[in-house]
Amino acid sequence: MRERADVIKVCEECDTVWLEGQTVSPAAYTDLDPYLSGFGKEPLWSNLVPLERGAQR
């Protein structure tokens, strides 16, 4: 997110979010809408800063 240093993984097809350190699986996920809404942000891709694919922090 632009104002935070969080690193998340987002599925471009279904807007599923996995937090840093979570295994990408159907069992552990959050949807983009409530994740961004929890920080007072609209669920827009423009509120995210893309990293290079496969980039690690």
PDB file of N, CA and C in Angstrom:
ATOM      1  N   MET A   1       0.847  -1.161   0.000  1.00  0.00           N
ATOM      2  CA  MET A   1       0.000   0.000   0.000  1.00  0.00           C
ATOM      3  C   MET A   1       0.899   1.232   0.000  1.00  0.00           C
ATOM      4  N   ARG A   2       0.473   2.253  -0.650  1.00  0.00           N
ATOM      5  CA  ARG A   2       1.310   3.437  -0.823  1.00  0.00           C
ATOM      6  C   ARG A   2       1.759   4.061   0.501  1.00  0.00           C
ATOM      7  N   GLU A   3       0.899   4.145   1.494  1.00  0.00           N
ATOM      8  CA  GLU A   3       1.243   4.815   2.750  1.00  0.00           C
ATOM      9  C   GLU A   3       1.828   3.885   3.807  1.00  0.00           C
ATOM     10  N   ARG A   4       1.890   2.611   3.525  1.00  0.00           N
ATOM     11  CA  ARG A   4       2.382   1.639   4.498  1.00  0.00           C
ATOM     12  C   ARG A   4       3.534   0.852   3.889  1.00  0.00           C
ATOM     13  N   ALA A   5       4.298   0.208   4.726  1.00  0.00           N
ATOM     14  CA  ALA A   5       5.428  -0.589   4.250  1.00  0.00           C
ATOM     15  C   ALA A   5       5.077  -2.075   4.155  1.00  0.00           C
ATOM     16  N   ASP A   6       3.799  -2.407   4.295  1.00  0.00           N
ATOM     17  CA  ASP A   6       3.383  -3.803   4.211  1.00  0.00           C
ATOM     18  C   ASP A   6       3.707  -4.376   2.833  1.00  0.00           C
ATOM     19  N   VAL A   7       4.121  -5.620   2.817  1.00  0.00           N
ATOM     20  CA  VAL A   7       4.300  -6.336   1.556  1.00  0.00           C
ATOM     21  C   VAL A   7       3.235  -7.424   1.532  1.00  0.00           C
ATOM     22  N   ILE A   8       2.418  -7.389   0.497  1.00  0.00           N
ATOM     23  CA  ILE A   8       1.360  -8.373   0.350  1.00  0.00           C
ATOM     24  C   ILE A   8       1.432  -8.961  -1.056  1.00  0.00           C
ATOM     25  N   LYS A   9       0.846 -10.122  -1.210  1.00  0.00           N
ATOM     26  CA  LYS A   9       0.694 -10.738  -2.534  1.00  0.00           C
ATOM     27  C   LYS A   9      -0.774 -10.649  -2.883  1.00  0.00           C
ATOM     28  N   VAL A  10      -1.075 -10.213  -4.113  1.00  0.00           N
ATOM     29  CA  VAL A  10      -2.465 -10.074  -4.537  1.00  0.00           C
ATOM     30  C   VAL A  10      -2.662 -10.835  -5.837  1.00  0.00           C
ATOM     31  N   CYS A  11      -3.689 -11.656  -5.885  1.00  0.00           N
ATOM     32  CA  CYS A  11      -4.056 -12.353  -7.110  1.00  0.00           C
ATOM     33  C   CYS A  11      -4.735 -11.350  -8.025  1.00  0.00           C
ATOM     34  N   GLU A  12      -4.190 -11.166  -9.208  1.00  0.00           N
ATOM     35  CA  GLU A  12      -4.741 -10.196 -10.152  1.00  0.00           C
ATOM     36  C   GLU A  12      -6.096 -10.627 -10.704  1.00  0.00           C
ATOM     37  N   GLU A  13      -6.415 -11.892 -10.622  1.00  0.00           N
ATOM     38  CA  GLU A  13      -7.683 -12.388 -11.166  1.00  0.00           C
ATOM     39  C   GLU A  13      -8.835 -12.296 -10.167  1.00  0.00           C
ATOM     40  N   CYS A  14      -8.568 -12.577  -8.891  1.00  0.00           N
ATOM     41  CA  CYS A  14      -9.670 -12.634  -7.929  1.00  0.00           C
ATOM     42  C   CYS A  14      -9.524 -11.665  -6.755  1.00  0.00           C
ATOM     43  N   ASP A  15      -8.463 -10.848  -6.733  1.00  0.00           N
ATOM     44  CA  ASP A  15      -8.223  -9.856  -5.677  1.00  0.00           C
ATOM     45  C   ASP A  15      -8.066 -10.472  -4.290  1.00  0.00           C
ATOM     46  N   THR A  16      -7.549 -11.679  -4.231  1.00  0.00           N
ATOM     47  CA  THR A  16      -7.237 -12.304  -2.955  1.00  0.00           C
ATOM     48  C   THR A  16      -5.892 -11.782  -2.476  1.00  0.00           C
ATOM     49  N   VAL A  17      -5.780 -11.520  -1.179  1.00  0.00           N
ATOM     50  CA  VAL A  17      -4.563 -10.972  -0.582  1.00  0.00           C
ATOM     51  C   VAL A  17      -3.976 -11.989   0.388  1.00  0.00           C
ATOM     52  N   TRP A  18      -2.669 -12.175   0.299  1.00  0.00           N
ATOM     53  CA  TRP A  18      -1.927 -12.954   1.287  1.00  0.00           C
ATOM     54  C   TRP A  18      -0.923 -12.015   1.926  1.00  0.00           C
ATOM     55  N   LEU A  19      -0.891 -11.999   3.231  1.00  0.00           N
ATOM     56  CA  LEU A  19       0.030 -11.136   3.943  1.00  0.00           C
ATOM     57  C   LEU A  19       1.433 -11.707   3.890  1.00  0.00           C
ATOM     58  N   GLU A  20       2.412 -10.838   4.064  1.00  0.00           N
ATOM     59  CA  GLU A  20       3.806 -11.270   4.051  1.00  0.00           C
ATOM     60  C   GLU A  20       4.000 -12.383   5.068  1.00  0.00           C
ATOM     61  N   GLY A  21       4.636 -13.464   4.644  1.00  0.00           N
ATOM     62  CA  GLY A  21       4.896 -14.599   5.516  1.00  0.00           C
ATOM     63  C   GLY A  21       3.826 -15.681   5.457  1.00  0.00           C
ATOM     64  N   GLN A  22       2.653 -15.373   4.890  1.00  0.00           N
ATOM     65  CA  GLN A  22       1.614 -16.389   4.755  1.00  0.00           C
ATOM     66  C   GLN A  22       1.896 -17.238   3.532  1.00  0.00           C
ATOM     67  N   THR A  23       1.587 -18.510   3.648  1.00  0.00           N
ATOM     68  CA  THR A  23       1.680 -19.402   2.507  1.00  0.00           C
ATOM     69  C   THR A  23       0.498 -19.123   1.582  1.00  0.00           C
ATOM     70  N   VAL A  24       0.780 -19.013   0.296  1.00  0.00           N
ATOM     71  CA  VAL A  24      -0.285 -18.788  -0.677  1.00  0.00           C
ATOM     72  C   VAL A  24      -1.077 -20.082  -0.815  1.00  0.00           C
ATOM     73  N   SER A  25      -2.280 -20.053  -0.259  1.00  0.00           N
ATOM     74  CA  SER A  25      -3.144 -21.227  -0.299  1.00  0.00           C
ATOM     75  C   SER A  25      -4.583 -20.769  -0.105  1.00  0.00           C
ATOM     76  N   PRO A  26      -5.536 -21.616  -0.465  1.00  0.00           N
ATOM     77  CA  PRO A  26      -6.935 -21.253  -0.256  1.00  0.00           C
ATOM     78  C   PRO A  26      -7.303 -21.135   1.223  1.00  0.00           C
ATOM     79  N   ALA A  27      -6.532 -21.751   2.091  1.00  0.00           N
ATOM     80  CA  ALA A  27      -6.861 -21.750   3.518  1.00  0.00           C
ATOM     81  C   ALA A  27      -6.490 -20.440   4.221  1.00  0.00           C
ATOM     82  N   ALA A  28      -5.512 -19.708   3.705  1.00  0.00           N
ATOM     83  CA  ALA A  28      -5.039 -18.486   4.367  1.00  0.00           C
ATOM     84  C   ALA A  28      -5.075 -17.332   3.375  1.00  0.00           C
ATOM     85  N   TYR A  29      -6.094 -16.512   3.503  1.00  0.00           N
ATOM     86  CA  TYR A  29      -6.197 -15.373   2.595  1.00  0.00           C
ATOM     87  C   TYR A  29      -7.157 -14.335   3.147  1.00  0.00           C
ATOM     88  N   THR A  30      -7.123 -13.164   2.544  1.00  0.00           N
ATOM     89  CA  THR A  30      -8.036 -12.064   2.816  1.00  0.00           C
ATOM     90  C   THR A  30      -8.432 -11.487   1.471  1.00  0.00           C
ATOM     91  N   ASP A  31      -9.602 -10.924   1.360  1.00  0.00           N
ATOM     92  CA  ASP A  31      -9.993 -10.256   0.128  1.00  0.00           C
ATOM     93  C   ASP A  31      -9.461  -8.820   0.136  1.00  0.00           C
ATOM     94  N   LEU A  32      -9.141  -8.305  -1.032  1.00  0.00           N
ATOM     95  CA  LEU A  32      -8.569  -6.964  -1.161  1.00  0.00           C
ATOM     96  C   LEU A  32      -9.509  -5.890  -0.618  1.00  0.00           C
ATOM     97  N   ASP A  33     -10.807  -5.988  -0.892  1.00  0.00           N
ATOM     98  CA  ASP A  33     -11.758  -4.962  -0.446  1.00  0.00           C
ATOM     99  C   ASP A  33     -11.699  -4.726   1.063  1.00  0.00           C
ATOM    100  N   PRO A  34     -11.918  -5.755   1.887  1.00  0.00           N
ATOM    101  CA  PRO A  34     -11.881  -5.506   3.332  1.00  0.00           C
ATOM    102  C   PRO A  34     -10.475  -5.176   3.845  1.00  0.00           C
ATOM    103  N   TYR A  35      -9.442  -5.698   3.196  1.00  0.00           N
ATOM    104  CA  TYR A  35      -8.072  -5.385   3.622  1.00  0.00           C
ATOM    105  C   TYR A  35      -7.817  -3.888   3.493  1.00  0.00           C
ATOM    106  N   LEU A  36      -8.075  -3.320   2.321  1.00  0.00           N
ATOM    107  CA  LEU A  36      -7.833  -1.891   2.121  1.00  0.00           C
ATOM    108  C   LEU A  36      -8.834  -1.040   2.900  1.00  0.00           C
ATOM    109  N   SER A  37     -10.069  -1.480   2.986  1.00  0.00           N
ATOM    110  CA  SER A  37     -11.084  -0.735   3.746  1.00  0.00           C
ATOM    111  C   SER A  37     -10.697  -0.626   5.212  1.00  0.00           C
ATOM    112  N   GLY A  38     -10.017  -1.643   5.731  1.00  0.00           N
ATOM    113  CA  GLY A  38      -9.556  -1.626   7.117  1.00  0.00           C
ATOM    114  C   GLY A  38      -8.560  -0.514   7.396  1.00  0.00           C
ATOM    115  N   PHE A  39      -7.949   0.023   6.363  1.00  0.00           N
ATOM    116  CA  PHE A  39      -7.014   1.139   6.499  1.00  0.00           C
ATOM    117  C   PHE A  39      -7.622   2.442   5.974  1.00  0.00           C
ATOM    118  N   GLY A  40      -8.947   2.418   5.735  1.00  0.00           N
ATOM    119  CA  GLY A  40      -9.622   3.614   5.253  1.00  0.00           C
ATOM    120  C   GLY A  40      -9.380   3.909   3.784  1.00  0.00           C
ATOM    121  N   LYS A  41      -8.985   2.894   3.021  1.00  0.00           N
ATOM    122  CA  LYS A  41      -8.694   3.065   1.594  1.00  0.00           C
ATOM    123  C   LYS A  41      -9.753   2.383   0.751  1.00  0.00           C
ATOM    124  N   GLU A  42      -9.999   2.943  -0.416  1.00  0.00           N
ATOM    125  CA  GLU A  42     -10.882   2.283  -1.368  1.00  0.00           C
ATOM    126  C   GLU A  42     -10.133   1.114  -1.993  1.00  0.00           C
ATOM    127  N   PRO A  43     -10.842   0.050  -2.337  1.00  0.00           N
ATOM    128  CA  PRO A  43     -10.178  -1.135  -2.914  1.00  0.00           C
ATOM    129  C   PRO A  43      -9.802  -0.920  -4.382  1.00  0.00           C
ATOM    130  N   LEU A  44      -8.828  -0.064  -4.599  1.00  0.00           N
ATOM    131  CA  LEU A  44      -8.370   0.262  -5.946  1.00  0.00           C
ATOM    132  C   LEU A  44      -6.922  -0.172  -6.111  1.00  0.00           C
ATOM    133  N   TRP A  45      -6.598  -0.688  -7.292  1.00  0.00           N
ATOM    134  CA  TRP A  45      -5.215  -1.083  -7.573  1.00  0.00           C
ATOM    135  C   TRP A  45      -4.283   0.117  -7.474  1.00  0.00           C
ATOM    136  N   SER A  46      -4.783   1.319  -7.699  1.00  0.00           N
ATOM    137  CA  SER A  46      -3.935   2.513  -7.623  1.00  0.00           C
ATOM    138  C   SER A  46      -3.474   2.804  -6.199  1.00  0.00           C
ATOM    139  N   ASN A  47      -4.081   2.168  -5.199  1.00  0.00           N
ATOM    140  CA  ASN A  47      -3.631   2.315  -3.818  1.00  0.00           C
ATOM    141  C   ASN A  47      -2.489   1.366  -3.473  1.00  0.00           C
ATOM    142  N   LEU A  48      -2.068   0.553  -4.435  1.00  0.00           N
ATOM    143  CA  LEU A  48      -0.979  -0.403  -4.224  1.00  0.00           C
ATOM    144  C   LEU A  48       0.232  -0.001  -5.050  1.00  0.00           C
ATOM    145  N   VAL A  49       1.397  -0.377  -4.586  1.00  0.00           N
ATOM    146  CA  VAL A  49       2.636  -0.152  -5.317  1.00  0.00           C
ATOM    147  C   VAL A  49       3.157  -1.511  -5.746  1.00  0.00           C
ATOM    148  N   PRO A  50       3.187  -1.783  -7.042  1.00  0.00           N
ATOM    149  CA  PRO A  50       3.649  -3.106  -7.491  1.00  0.00           C
ATOM    150  C   PRO A  50       5.154  -3.266  -7.321  1.00  0.00           C
ATOM    151  N   LEU A  51       5.548  -4.454  -6.911  1.00  0.00           N
ATOM    152  CA  LEU A  51       6.956  -4.845  -6.905  1.00  0.00           C
ATOM    153  C   LEU A  51       7.190  -5.700  -8.139  1.00  0.00           C
ATOM    154  N   GLU A  52       8.430  -5.906  -8.481  1.00  0.00           N
ATOM    155  CA  GLU A  52       8.714  -6.810  -9.593  1.00  0.00           C
ATOM    156  C   GLU A  52       8.224  -8.194  -9.221  1.00  0.00           C
ATOM    157  N   ARG A  53       7.735  -8.907 -10.208  1.00  0.00           N
ATOM    158  CA  ARG A  53       7.273 -10.277  -9.962  1.00  0.00           C
ATOM    159  C   ARG A  53       8.428 -11.097  -9.394  1.00  0.00           C
ATOM    160  N   GLY A  54       8.139 -11.794  -8.298  1.00  0.00           N
ATOM    161  CA  GLY A  54       9.145 -12.648  -7.685  1.00  0.00           C
ATOM    162  C   GLY A  54      10.112 -11.887  -6.805  1.00  0.00           C
ATOM    163  N   ALA A  55       9.962 -10.577  -6.686  1.00  0.00           N
ATOM    164  CA  ALA A  55      10.884  -9.785  -5.861  1.00  0.00           C
ATOM    165  C   ALA A  55      10.656 -10.095  -4.391  1.00  0.00           C
ATOM    166  N   GLN A  56      11.701 -10.174  -3.646  1.00  0.00           N
ATOM    167  CA  GLN A  56      11.644 -10.400  -2.209  1.00  0.00           C
ATOM    168  C   GLN A  56      12.132  -9.151  -1.513  1.00  0.00           C
ATOM    169  N   ARG A  57      11.553  -8.887  -0.376  1.00  0.00           N
ATOM    170  CA  ARG A  57      11.970  -7.715   0.404  1.00  0.00           C
ATOM    171  C   ARG A  57      13.018  -8.097   1.394  1.00  0.00           C
TER     172      ARG A  57
END
